[in-house]
């Protein structure tokens, strides 16, 4: 599949036949963060929002510049050797290298008291990606989900599908990375190489719960995130941690 090409289904989208419960969460807040931010600030906001999460929250966000994020345990020398001409940031979550800017990027934050976190990591990953796949299928895309991972020597996340990633025409278009802390679950995801309708963010929120609750960015969150950006995600010590 070529980036930016809209893939139309010639028959019923394969994932449209999959039956999943109507809602994943009893309630979910939806933060459509329309203001493009630099890579370090986007990561700082995710960590800040998890710290203050009262209920599950879906945040959809944009990038101020073409960026690259890489998993917490990635070696900086390996990333630097690829000579990305992009803003670089180390994520708090795991996984590989992901290019950002033209992608659809979202984070799902689930507080520790949620019953959702009684499930194992592989189960939460599957449940979230079922909703992503359902929203994509609703756009007319014949997506499917992987049953198992594939072996790959590449550290580029979208060159290596793992269990429960979302595929279109055999190519990975949606992947994610997770981290669990005493605060809850941080799930950072990206949809790439497919043209989405302008209302896809709303469609995704509705896939988690049709009665989602829209929220706005809070000034206090921004102030706390800016401090975290300055003291952690924008520092060389964090970028070159390993």
C-alpha atoms as a PDB file:
ATOM      1  CA  UNK A   1       0.000   0.000   0.000  1.00  0.00           C
ATOM      2  CA  UNK A   2       1.308   3.436  -0.897  1.00  0.00           C
ATOM      3  CA  UNK A   3       1.115   6.114   1.838  1.00  0.00           C
ATOM      4  CA  UNK A   4      -1.821   8.426   1.384  1.00  0.00           C
ATOM      5  CA  UNK A   5      -3.802   6.075  -0.865  1.00  0.00           C
ATOM      6  CA  UNK A   6      -7.342   5.436   0.323  1.00  0.00           C
ATOM      7  CA  UNK A   7      -8.124   1.731   0.166  1.00  0.00           C
ATOM      8  CA  UNK A   8     -11.758   1.028  -0.703  1.00  0.00           C
ATOM      9  CA  UNK A   9     -13.376  -2.287   0.113  1.00  0.00           C
ATOM     10  CA  UNK A  10     -14.848  -4.271  -2.765  1.00  0.00           C
ATOM     11  CA  UNK A  11     -16.885  -6.323  -0.312  1.00  0.00           C
ATOM     12  CA  UNK A  12     -17.917  -6.204   3.333  1.00  0.00           C
ATOM     13  CA  UNK A  13     -14.883  -5.169   5.450  1.00  0.00           C
ATOM     14  CA  UNK A  14     -13.503  -8.278   7.132  1.00  0.00           C
ATOM     15  CA  UNK A  15     -13.534  -6.791  10.616  1.00  0.00           C
ATOM     16  CA  UNK A  16     -17.144  -5.660  10.248  1.00  0.00           C
ATOM     17  CA  UNK A  17     -18.154  -9.288  10.815  1.00  0.00           C
ATOM     18  CA  UNK A  18     -16.469  -9.429  14.233  1.00  0.00           C
ATOM     19  CA  UNK A  19     -18.879  -9.074  17.149  1.00  0.00           C
ATOM     20  CA  UNK A  20     -17.523  -7.018  20.038  1.00  0.00           C
ATOM     21  CA  UNK A  21     -19.386  -5.551  23.047  1.00  0.00           C
ATOM     22  CA  UNK A  22     -21.017  -2.169  22.400  1.00  0.00           C
ATOM     23  CA  UNK A  23     -18.849  -0.336  24.937  1.00  0.00           C
ATOM     24  CA  UNK A  24     -15.410  -1.014  26.384  1.00  0.00           C
ATOM     25  CA  UNK A  25     -15.698   1.482  29.243  1.00  0.00           C
ATOM     26  CA  UNK A  26     -18.784   2.619  31.152  1.00  0.00           C
ATOM     27  CA  UNK A  27     -17.575   6.171  30.586  1.00  0.00           C
ATOM     28  CA  UNK A  28     -14.700   7.700  28.654  1.00  0.00           C
ATOM     29  CA  UNK A  29     -13.477  11.275  28.305  1.00  0.00           C
ATOM     30  CA  UNK A  30     -12.448  12.462  24.837  1.00  0.00           C
ATOM     31  CA  UNK A  31      -9.743  15.108  24.501  1.00  0.00           C
ATOM     32  CA  UNK A  32      -9.286  16.157  20.870  1.00  0.00           C
ATOM     33  CA  UNK A  33      -6.021  18.086  21.261  1.00  0.00           C
ATOM     34  CA  UNK A  34      -6.030  20.122  18.040  1.00  0.00           C
ATOM     35  CA  UNK A  35      -3.010  22.286  18.903  1.00  0.00           C
ATOM     36  CA  UNK A  36       0.179  20.811  17.331  1.00  0.00           C
ATOM     37  CA  UNK A  37       2.910  20.313  19.946  1.00  0.00           C
ATOM     38  CA  UNK A  38       6.552  19.326  19.850  1.00  0.00           C
ATOM     39  CA  UNK A  39       7.532  15.728  20.500  1.00  0.00           C
ATOM     40  CA  UNK A  40       8.704  16.236  24.085  1.00  0.00           C
ATOM     41  CA  UNK A  41       5.523  18.104  25.041  1.00  0.00           C
ATOM     42  CA  UNK A  42       3.279  15.408  23.578  1.00  0.00           C
ATOM     43  CA  UNK A  43       5.003  12.782  25.720  1.00  0.00           C
ATOM     44  CA  UNK A  44       4.904  15.023  28.795  1.00  0.00           C
ATOM     45  CA  UNK A  45       1.183  15.618  28.363  1.00  0.00           C
ATOM     46  CA  UNK A  46       0.469  11.893  28.182  1.00  0.00           C
ATOM     47  CA  UNK A  47       2.305  11.244  31.450  1.00  0.00           C
ATOM     48  CA  UNK A  48       0.638  14.231  33.125  1.00  0.00           C
ATOM     49  CA  UNK A  49      -2.853  13.206  32.034  1.00  0.00           C
ATOM     50  CA  UNK A  50      -2.322   9.681  33.365  1.00  0.00           C
ATOM     51  CA  UNK A  51      -1.356  11.134  36.736  1.00  0.00           C
ATOM     52  CA  UNK A  52      -4.663  13.032  36.879  1.00  0.00           C
ATOM     53  CA  UNK A  53      -6.957  10.491  35.184  1.00  0.00           C
ATOM     54  CA  UNK A  54     -10.292  10.069  37.011  1.00  0.00           C
ATOM     55  CA  UNK A  55     -11.785   7.866  34.316  1.00  0.00           C
ATOM     56  CA  UNK A  56     -10.528   6.430  31.019  1.00  0.00           C
ATOM     57  CA  UNK A  57      -9.523   9.169  28.590  1.00  0.00           C
ATOM     58  CA  UNK A  58      -8.826   9.125  24.852  1.00  0.00           C
ATOM     59  CA  UNK A  59      -6.456  11.865  23.718  1.00  0.00           C
ATOM     60  CA  UNK A  60      -5.967  12.488  19.988  1.00  0.00           C
ATOM     61  CA  UNK A  61      -3.102  14.823  19.155  1.00  0.00           C
ATOM     62  CA  UNK A  62      -0.928  16.477  16.496  1.00  0.00           C
ATOM     63  CA  UNK A  63       2.786  17.142  15.939  1.00  0.00           C
ATOM     64  CA  UNK A  64       4.318  20.590  15.469  1.00  0.00           C
ATOM     65  CA  UNK A  65       7.185  19.178  13.389  1.00  0.00           C
ATOM     66  CA  UNK A  66       7.922  15.816  11.748  1.00  0.00           C
ATOM     67  CA  UNK A  67       9.011  13.675  14.688  1.00  0.00           C
ATOM     68  CA  UNK A  68      10.269  10.249  15.666  1.00  0.00           C
ATOM     69  CA  UNK A  69       9.510   8.531  18.953  1.00  0.00           C
ATOM     70  CA  UNK A  70      11.239   5.400  20.173  1.00  0.00           C
ATOM     71  CA  UNK A  71      10.596   2.913  22.952  1.00  0.00           C
ATOM     72  CA  UNK A  72      11.872   3.390  26.481  1.00  0.00           C
ATOM     73  CA  UNK A  73      14.514   0.640  26.241  1.00  0.00           C
ATOM     74  CA  UNK A  74      15.812   1.553  22.754  1.00  0.00           C
ATOM     75  CA  UNK A  75      19.510   2.369  22.546  1.00  0.00           C
ATOM     76  CA  UNK A  76      20.053   5.978  21.484  1.00  0.00           C
ATOM     77  CA  UNK A  77      23.053   5.025  19.341  1.00  0.00           C
ATOM     78  CA  UNK A  78      20.856   2.720  17.263  1.00  0.00           C
ATOM     79  CA  UNK A  79      18.253   5.438  16.715  1.00  0.00           C
ATOM     80  CA  UNK A  80      20.845   8.145  16.013  1.00  0.00           C
ATOM     81  CA  UNK A  81      22.566   5.937  13.431  1.00  0.00           C
ATOM     82  CA  UNK A  82      19.459   6.090  11.246  1.00  0.00           C
ATOM     83  CA  UNK A  83      19.949   9.887  10.942  1.00  0.00           C
ATOM     84  CA  UNK A  84      16.322  10.915  11.184  1.00  0.00           C
ATOM     85  CA  UNK A  85      15.865  14.568  10.204  1.00  0.00           C
ATOM     86  CA  UNK A  86      13.098  14.843  12.782  1.00  0.00           C
ATOM     87  CA  UNK A  87      12.486  15.881  16.374  1.00  0.00           C
ATOM     88  CA  UNK A  88      13.348  12.816  18.451  1.00  0.00           C
ATOM     89  CA  UNK A  89      11.909  11.760  21.796  1.00  0.00           C
ATOM     90  CA  UNK A  90      12.169   8.688  23.999  1.00  0.00           C
ATOM     91  CA  UNK A  91       8.722   7.407  24.964  1.00  0.00           C
ATOM     92  CA  UNK A  92       7.735   6.257  28.440  1.00  0.00           C
ATOM     93  CA  UNK A  93       6.203   3.193  26.788  1.00  0.00           C
ATOM     94  CA  UNK A  94       8.110   0.364  25.095  1.00  0.00           C
ATOM     95  CA  UNK A  95       8.127  -0.719  21.467  1.00  0.00           C
ATOM     96  CA  UNK A  96      10.234   0.354  18.527  1.00  0.00           C
ATOM     97  CA  UNK A  97      10.799   3.415  16.368  1.00  0.00           C
ATOM     98  CA  UNK A  98       7.725   5.286  15.057  1.00  0.00           C
ATOM     99  CA  UNK A  99       7.656   8.204  12.609  1.00  0.00           C
ATOM    100  CA  UNK A 100       5.087  10.916  13.343  1.00  0.00           C
ATOM    101  CA  UNK A 101       3.669  13.892  11.535  1.00  0.00           C
ATOM    102  CA  UNK A 102       1.459  12.392   8.844  1.00  0.00           C
ATOM    103  CA  UNK A 103       0.023   9.710  11.117  1.00  0.00           C
ATOM    104  CA  UNK A 104      -3.096   9.680  13.297  1.00  0.00           C
ATOM    105  CA  UNK A 105      -1.798   9.585  16.864  1.00  0.00           C
ATOM    106  CA  UNK A 106      -3.768   8.827  20.005  1.00  0.00           C
ATOM    107  CA  UNK A 107      -3.255   7.842  23.623  1.00  0.00           C
ATOM    108  CA  UNK A 108      -5.633   5.919  25.841  1.00  0.00           C
ATOM    109  CA  UNK A 109      -5.193   6.550  29.564  1.00  0.00           C
ATOM    110  CA  UNK A 110      -6.878   4.210  32.052  1.00  0.00           C
ATOM    111  CA  UNK A 111      -6.658   4.917  35.814  1.00  0.00           C
ATOM    112  CA  UNK A 112      -5.490   2.170  38.147  1.00  0.00           C
ATOM    113  CA  UNK A 113      -8.903   1.662  39.785  1.00  0.00           C
ATOM    114  CA  UNK A 114     -10.518   0.654  36.470  1.00  0.00           C
ATOM    115  CA  UNK A 115     -11.729  -2.953  36.205  1.00  0.00           C
ATOM    116  CA  UNK A 116     -10.188  -2.954  32.715  1.00  0.00           C
ATOM    117  CA  UNK A 117      -6.759  -3.350  34.284  1.00  0.00           C
ATOM    118  CA  UNK A 118      -7.707  -6.728  35.738  1.00  0.00           C
ATOM    119  CA  UNK A 119      -6.956  -8.058  32.263  1.00  0.00           C
ATOM    120  CA  UNK A 120      -3.457  -9.080  31.218  1.00  0.00           C
ATOM    121  CA  UNK A 121      -1.439  -6.752  28.975  1.00  0.00           C
ATOM    122  CA  UNK A 122      -2.020  -8.838  25.854  1.00  0.00           C
ATOM    123  CA  UNK A 123      -5.761  -8.745  26.526  1.00  0.00           C
ATOM    124  CA  UNK A 124      -5.919  -4.972  27.002  1.00  0.00           C
ATOM    125  CA  UNK A 125      -3.905  -4.536  23.802  1.00  0.00           C
ATOM    126  CA  UNK A 126      -6.351  -6.779  21.928  1.00  0.00           C
ATOM    127  CA  UNK A 127      -9.438  -5.069  23.353  1.00  0.00           C
ATOM    128  CA  UNK A 128      -8.186  -1.584  22.429  1.00  0.00           C
ATOM    129  CA  UNK A 129      -7.157  -2.608  18.923  1.00  0.00           C
ATOM    130  CA  UNK A 130     -10.521  -4.254  18.365  1.00  0.00           C
ATOM    131  CA  UNK A 131     -12.016  -0.787  18.793  1.00  0.00           C
ATOM    132  CA  UNK A 132      -9.439   0.783  16.486  1.00  0.00           C
ATOM    133  CA  UNK A 133     -10.150  -1.882  13.871  1.00  0.00           C
ATOM    134  CA  UNK A 134     -13.894  -1.398  14.282  1.00  0.00           C
ATOM    135  CA  UNK A 135     -13.574   2.364  13.691  1.00  0.00           C
ATOM    136  CA  UNK A 136     -11.419   1.746  10.608  1.00  0.00           C
ATOM    137  CA  UNK A 137     -13.868  -0.832   9.262  1.00  0.00           C
ATOM    138  CA  UNK A 138     -16.628   1.728   9.699  1.00  0.00           C
ATOM    139  CA  UNK A 139     -14.678   3.945   7.256  1.00  0.00           C
ATOM    140  CA  UNK A 140     -14.903   1.230   4.600  1.00  0.00           C
ATOM    141  CA  UNK A 141     -11.436  -0.238   5.163  1.00  0.00           C
ATOM    142  CA  UNK A 142     -11.204  -4.069   5.007  1.00  0.00           C
ATOM    143  CA  UNK A 143      -8.899  -4.375   8.021  1.00  0.00           C
ATOM    144  CA  UNK A 144      -7.948  -7.464   9.981  1.00  0.00           C
ATOM    145  CA  UNK A 145      -5.971  -8.183  13.136  1.00  0.00           C
ATOM    146  CA  UNK A 146      -2.882 -10.339  13.492  1.00  0.00           C
ATOM    147  CA  UNK A 147      -3.266 -13.557  15.440  1.00  0.00           C
ATOM    148  CA  UNK A 148       0.446 -13.747  16.145  1.00  0.00           C
ATOM    149  CA  UNK A 149       3.624 -11.741  15.724  1.00  0.00           C
ATOM    150  CA  UNK A 150       6.116 -12.058  12.899  1.00  0.00           C
ATOM    151  CA  UNK A 151       9.871 -12.339  13.190  1.00  0.00           C
ATOM    152  CA  UNK A 152      11.724  -9.234  12.085  1.00  0.00           C
ATOM    153  CA  UNK A 153      15.168  -7.756  12.604  1.00  0.00           C
ATOM    154  CA  UNK A 154      13.832  -4.241  12.085  1.00  0.00           C
ATOM    155  CA  UNK A 155      13.379  -1.891  15.028  1.00  0.00           C
ATOM    156  CA  UNK A 156      10.935   0.209  12.987  1.00  0.00           C
ATOM    157  CA  UNK A 157       7.580  -0.420  14.611  1.00  0.00           C
ATOM    158  CA  UNK A 158       5.556  -0.352  11.382  1.00  0.00           C
ATOM    159  CA  UNK A 159       7.834  -2.877   9.680  1.00  0.00           C
ATOM    160  CA  UNK A 160       7.047  -5.482  12.326  1.00  0.00           C
ATOM    161  CA  UNK A 161       3.491  -6.550  13.142  1.00  0.00           C
ATOM    162  CA  UNK A 162       2.965  -8.159  16.545  1.00  0.00           C
ATOM    163  CA  UNK A 163      -0.017  -9.958  18.036  1.00  0.00           C
ATOM    164  CA  UNK A 164      -3.280  -7.969  17.732  1.00  0.00           C
ATOM    165  CA  UNK A 165      -1.894  -5.247  15.467  1.00  0.00           C
ATOM    166  CA  UNK A 166      -4.219  -3.984  12.720  1.00  0.00           C
ATOM    167  CA  UNK A 167      -3.518  -4.845   9.064  1.00  0.00           C
ATOM    168  CA  UNK A 168      -4.780  -3.618   5.709  1.00  0.00           C
ATOM    169  CA  UNK A 169      -3.953  -5.684   2.627  1.00  0.00           C
ATOM    170  CA  UNK A 170      -1.427  -7.575   4.741  1.00  0.00           C
ATOM    171  CA  UNK A 171       0.409  -4.418   5.846  1.00  0.00           C
ATOM    172  CA  UNK A 172       0.464  -3.085   9.381  1.00  0.00           C
ATOM    173  CA  UNK A 173      -1.387   0.237   9.668  1.00  0.00           C
ATOM    174  CA  UNK A 174      -2.050   0.452  13.425  1.00  0.00           C
ATOM    175  CA  UNK A 175       0.275  -0.376  16.284  1.00  0.00           C
ATOM    176  CA  UNK A 176       0.845   0.751  19.853  1.00  0.00           C
ATOM    177  CA  UNK A 177       2.945   0.460  22.985  1.00  0.00           C
ATOM    178  CA  UNK A 178       1.847   0.228  26.607  1.00  0.00           C
ATOM    179  CA  UNK A 179       3.127   0.938  30.091  1.00  0.00           C
ATOM    180  CA  UNK A 180       1.483   0.133  33.414  1.00  0.00           C
ATOM    181  CA  UNK A 181       2.305   2.150  36.511  1.00  0.00           C
ATOM    182  CA  UNK A 182       0.727   2.616  39.926  1.00  0.00           C
ATOM    183  CA  UNK A 183      -1.294   5.385  38.257  1.00  0.00           C
ATOM    184  CA  UNK A 184      -2.774   3.088  35.605  1.00  0.00           C
ATOM    185  CA  UNK A 185      -2.307   2.188  31.940  1.00  0.00           C
ATOM    186  CA  UNK A 186      -0.698   4.352  29.251  1.00  0.00           C
ATOM    187  CA  UNK A 187      -1.444   3.075  25.715  1.00  0.00           C
ATOM    188  CA  UNK A 188       0.173   5.142  22.935  1.00  0.00           C
ATOM    189  CA  UNK A 189      -0.980   4.274  19.419  1.00  0.00           C
ATOM    190  CA  UNK A 190      -0.531   5.338  15.811  1.00  0.00           C
ATOM    191  CA  UNK A 191      -2.433   4.725  12.566  1.00  0.00           C
ATOM    192  CA  UNK A 192      -0.281   5.190   9.470  1.00  0.00           C
ATOM    193  CA  UNK A 193      -0.206   4.963   5.673  1.00  0.00           C
ATOM    194  CA  UNK A 194      -3.943   5.313   5.167  1.00  0.00           C
ATOM    195  CA  UNK A 195      -6.134   8.328   4.448  1.00  0.00           C
ATOM    196  CA  UNK A 196      -8.762   8.769   7.165  1.00  0.00           C
ATOM    197  CA  UNK A 197     -11.926  10.881   7.195  1.00  0.00           C
ATOM    198  CA  UNK A 198     -11.789  14.158   9.101  1.00  0.00           C
ATOM    199  CA  UNK A 199     -14.124  12.805  11.767  1.00  0.00           C
ATOM    200  CA  UNK A 200     -12.056   9.705  12.527  1.00  0.00           C
ATOM    201  CA  UNK A 201     -11.133  10.982  16.001  1.00  0.00           C
ATOM    202  CA  UNK A 202     -14.834  11.140  16.883  1.00  0.00           C
ATOM    203  CA  UNK A 203     -15.425   7.732  15.308  1.00  0.00           C
ATOM    204  CA  UNK A 204     -12.666   6.254  17.454  1.00  0.00           C
ATOM    205  CA  UNK A 205     -14.027   7.795  20.649  1.00  0.00           C
ATOM    206  CA  UNK A 206     -17.469   6.384  19.805  1.00  0.00           C
ATOM    207  CA  UNK A 207     -15.929   2.944  19.267  1.00  0.00           C
ATOM    208  CA  UNK A 208     -14.955   2.920  22.951  1.00  0.00           C
ATOM    209  CA  UNK A 209     -18.314   4.297  24.078  1.00  0.00           C
ATOM    210  CA  UNK A 210     -20.866   6.098  21.878  1.00  0.00           C
ATOM    211  CA  UNK A 211     -21.697   8.334  24.859  1.00  0.00           C
ATOM    212  CA  UNK A 212     -18.159   9.659  25.299  1.00  0.00           C
ATOM    213  CA  UNK A 213     -17.654  12.901  27.251  1.00  0.00           C
ATOM    214  CA  UNK A 214     -15.744  15.680  25.409  1.00  0.00           C
ATOM    215  CA  UNK A 215     -13.230  17.553  27.597  1.00  0.00           C
ATOM    216  CA  UNK A 216     -10.902  20.510  27.011  1.00  0.00           C
ATOM    217  CA  UNK A 217      -7.236  20.923  27.876  1.00  0.00           C
ATOM    218  CA  UNK A 218      -6.824  22.286  31.394  1.00  0.00           C
ATOM    219  CA  UNK A 219      -4.350  25.106  32.093  1.00  0.00           C
ATOM    220  CA  UNK A 220      -3.077  23.269  35.165  1.00  0.00           C
ATOM    221  CA  UNK A 221      -2.336  20.176  33.071  1.00  0.00           C
ATOM    222  CA  UNK A 222      -0.438  22.323  30.592  1.00  0.00           C
ATOM    223  CA  UNK A 223       1.644  23.972  33.306  1.00  0.00           C
ATOM    224  CA  UNK A 224       2.548  20.637  34.899  1.00  0.00           C
ATOM    225  CA  UNK A 225       3.329  19.066  31.508  1.00  0.00           C
ATOM    226  CA  UNK A 226       5.556  21.968  30.492  1.00  0.00           C
ATOM    227  CA  UNK A 227       7.623  21.455  33.645  1.00  0.00           C
ATOM    228  CA  UNK A 228       7.860  17.715  32.923  1.00  0.00           C
ATOM    229  CA  UNK A 229       8.818  18.451  29.331  1.00  0.00           C
ATOM    230  CA  UNK A 230      11.578  20.808  30.423  1.00  0.00           C
ATOM    231  CA  UNK A 231      12.960  18.578  33.175  1.00  0.00           C
ATOM    232  CA  UNK A 232      12.557  15.154  31.527  1.00  0.00           C
ATOM    233  CA  UNK A 233      11.465  14.593  27.937  1.00  0.00           C
ATOM    234  CA  UNK A 234      13.402  17.487  26.367  1.00  0.00           C
ATOM    235  CA  UNK A 235      16.664  16.667  28.167  1.00  0.00           C
ATOM    236  CA  UNK A 236      19.654  14.923  26.643  1.00  0.00           C
ATOM    237  CA  UNK A 237      19.896  12.672  29.691  1.00  0.00           C
ATOM    238  CA  UNK A 238      16.435  11.244  28.915  1.00  0.00           C
ATOM    239  CA  UNK A 239      16.981  11.090  25.154  1.00  0.00           C
ATOM    240  CA  UNK A 240      20.288   9.227  25.580  1.00  0.00           C
ATOM    241  CA  UNK A 241      19.221   7.231  28.639  1.00  0.00           C
ATOM    242  CA  UNK A 242      20.361   3.928  27.141  1.00  0.00           C
END
